[in-house]
Amino acid sequence: MWQIMVERLPDKLGILCMLLAFFVPYLINKVNRQLHKHGDPPWKKKR
């Protein structure tokens, strides 16, 4: 039973790629928000 479950788990590279697929866009979004927060002119900022 345990062997069947272990065989179905993704390998280490698959897990790494899944984590990167989440964290890379998340970090890009966070950096983009900070850049807009500090770099946008006053007339373009949300009120």
N, C-alpha and C. Protein backbone atom coordinates (compact mmCIF):
# COMPACT_ATOMS: atom_id res chain seq x y z
N MET A 1 0.82 -1.20 0.00
CA MET A 1 0.00 0.00 0.00
C MET A 1 0.86 1.26 0.00
N TRP A 2 1.85 1.31 0.88
CA TRP A 2 2.73 2.47 0.98
C TRP A 2 3.54 2.64 -0.31
N GLN A 3 3.95 1.55 -0.91
CA GLN A 3 4.73 1.60 -2.15
C GLN A 3 3.91 2.24 -3.28
N ILE A 4 2.63 1.94 -3.36
CA ILE A 4 1.77 2.52 -4.40
C ILE A 4 1.69 4.03 -4.23
N MET A 5 1.57 4.49 -2.99
CA MET A 5 1.48 5.93 -2.73
C MET A 5 2.80 6.62 -3.06
N VAL A 6 3.91 6.01 -2.72
CA VAL A 6 5.22 6.60 -2.98
C VAL A 6 5.48 6.69 -4.48
N GLU A 7 5.06 5.71 -5.23
CA GLU A 7 5.27 5.71 -6.67
C GLU A 7 4.48 6.83 -7.36
N ARG A 8 3.36 7.23 -6.80
CA ARG A 8 2.52 8.25 -7.42
C ARG A 8 2.97 9.67 -7.10
N LEU A 9 3.82 9.84 -6.09
CA LEU A 9 4.32 11.16 -5.74
C LEU A 9 5.27 11.67 -6.83
N PRO A 10 5.24 12.99 -7.11
CA PRO A 10 6.19 13.52 -8.08
C PRO A 10 7.61 13.50 -7.53
N ASP A 11 8.57 13.49 -8.43
CA ASP A 11 9.96 13.48 -7.98
C ASP A 11 10.36 14.86 -7.48
N LYS A 12 11.59 14.99 -7.02
CA LYS A 12 12.04 16.25 -6.42
C LYS A 12 12.02 17.39 -7.42
N LEU A 13 12.39 17.12 -8.66
CA LEU A 13 12.37 18.15 -9.69
C LEU A 13 10.94 18.62 -9.95
N GLY A 14 10.00 17.72 -9.96
CA GLY A 14 8.60 18.10 -10.16
C GLY A 14 8.08 18.98 -9.04
N ILE A 15 8.43 18.65 -7.81
CA ILE A 15 8.01 19.46 -6.66
C ILE A 15 8.65 20.85 -6.73
N LEU A 16 9.93 20.90 -7.09
CA LEU A 16 10.63 22.17 -7.22
C LEU A 16 9.97 23.04 -8.29
N CYS A 17 9.64 22.45 -9.42
CA CYS A 17 9.00 23.22 -10.50
C CYS A 17 7.63 23.72 -10.08
N MET A 18 6.87 22.92 -9.33
CA MET A 18 5.56 23.37 -8.85
C MET A 18 5.70 24.55 -7.89
N LEU A 19 6.68 24.49 -7.01
CA LEU A 19 6.90 25.59 -6.08
C LEU A 19 7.33 26.85 -6.82
N LEU A 20 8.23 26.69 -7.79
CA LEU A 20 8.67 27.84 -8.56
C LEU A 20 7.54 28.43 -9.40
N ALA A 21 6.65 27.58 -9.90
CA ALA A 21 5.52 28.06 -10.69
C ALA A 21 4.59 28.94 -9.86
N PHE A 22 4.58 28.76 -8.56
CA PHE A 22 3.79 29.60 -7.68
C PHE A 22 4.57 30.83 -7.22
N PHE A 23 5.80 30.64 -6.74
CA PHE A 23 6.53 31.71 -6.09
C PHE A 23 7.10 32.75 -7.05
N VAL A 24 7.49 32.38 -8.25
CA VAL A 24 8.05 33.36 -9.18
C VAL A 24 7.01 34.41 -9.57
N PRO A 25 5.81 34.03 -10.03
CA PRO A 25 4.82 35.08 -10.32
C PRO A 25 4.40 35.87 -9.08
N TYR A 26 4.34 35.21 -7.93
CA TYR A 26 3.98 35.89 -6.69
C TYR A 26 5.01 36.97 -6.35
N LEU A 27 6.28 36.63 -6.46
CA LEU A 27 7.33 37.61 -6.14
C LEU A 27 7.36 38.73 -7.17
N ILE A 28 7.15 38.42 -8.43
CA ILE A 28 7.11 39.46 -9.46
C ILE A 28 5.96 40.42 -9.18
N ASN A 29 4.81 39.90 -8.77
CA ASN A 29 3.66 40.74 -8.44
C ASN A 29 3.98 41.65 -7.25
N LYS A 30 4.61 41.11 -6.22
CA LYS A 30 4.96 41.91 -5.05
C LYS A 30 5.93 43.03 -5.41
N VAL A 31 6.96 42.71 -6.21
CA VAL A 31 7.93 43.72 -6.61
C VAL A 31 7.25 44.78 -7.47
N ASN A 32 6.38 44.37 -8.38
CA ASN A 32 5.67 45.32 -9.24
C ASN A 32 4.80 46.26 -8.43
N ARG A 33 4.12 45.75 -7.42
CA ARG A 33 3.29 46.61 -6.57
C ARG A 33 4.14 47.64 -5.83
N GLN A 34 5.29 47.21 -5.32
CA GLN A 34 6.17 48.14 -4.60
C GLN A 34 6.73 49.21 -5.55
N LEU A 35 7.09 48.80 -6.77
CA LEU A 35 7.60 49.77 -7.73
C LEU A 35 6.53 50.81 -8.08
N HIS A 36 5.30 50.38 -8.26
CA HIS A 36 4.22 51.31 -8.55
C HIS A 36 3.91 52.20 -7.35
N LYS A 37 3.99 51.63 -6.16
CA LYS A 37 3.71 52.40 -4.94
C LYS A 37 4.70 53.56 -4.78
N HIS A 38 5.96 53.29 -5.08
CA HIS A 38 6.99 54.32 -4.86
C HIS A 38 7.33 55.12 -6.12
N GLY A 39 6.95 54.64 -7.29
CA GLY A 39 7.39 55.29 -8.51
C GLY A 39 6.34 56.01 -9.32
N ASP A 40 5.07 55.75 -9.07
CA ASP A 40 4.01 56.40 -9.85
C ASP A 40 3.89 57.87 -9.46
N PRO A 41 3.59 58.73 -10.43
CA PRO A 41 3.37 60.14 -10.10
C PRO A 41 2.07 60.30 -9.30
N PRO A 42 1.95 61.41 -8.57
CA PRO A 42 0.77 61.60 -7.71
C PRO A 42 -0.57 61.54 -8.45
N TRP A 43 -0.62 62.03 -9.69
CA TRP A 43 -1.88 62.04 -10.41
C TRP A 43 -2.31 60.66 -10.86
N LYS A 44 -1.40 59.70 -10.84
CA LYS A 44 -1.73 58.36 -11.30
C LYS A 44 -2.06 57.41 -10.14
N LYS A 45 -1.78 57.82 -8.92
CA LYS A 45 -2.03 56.94 -7.77
C LYS A 45 -3.53 56.85 -7.48
N LYS A 46 -3.93 55.70 -6.94
CA LYS A 46 -5.32 55.51 -6.56
C LYS A 46 -5.63 56.38 -5.35
N ARG A 47 -6.87 56.82 -5.28
CA ARG A 47 -7.25 57.68 -4.14
C ARG A 47 -7.93 56.90 -3.07
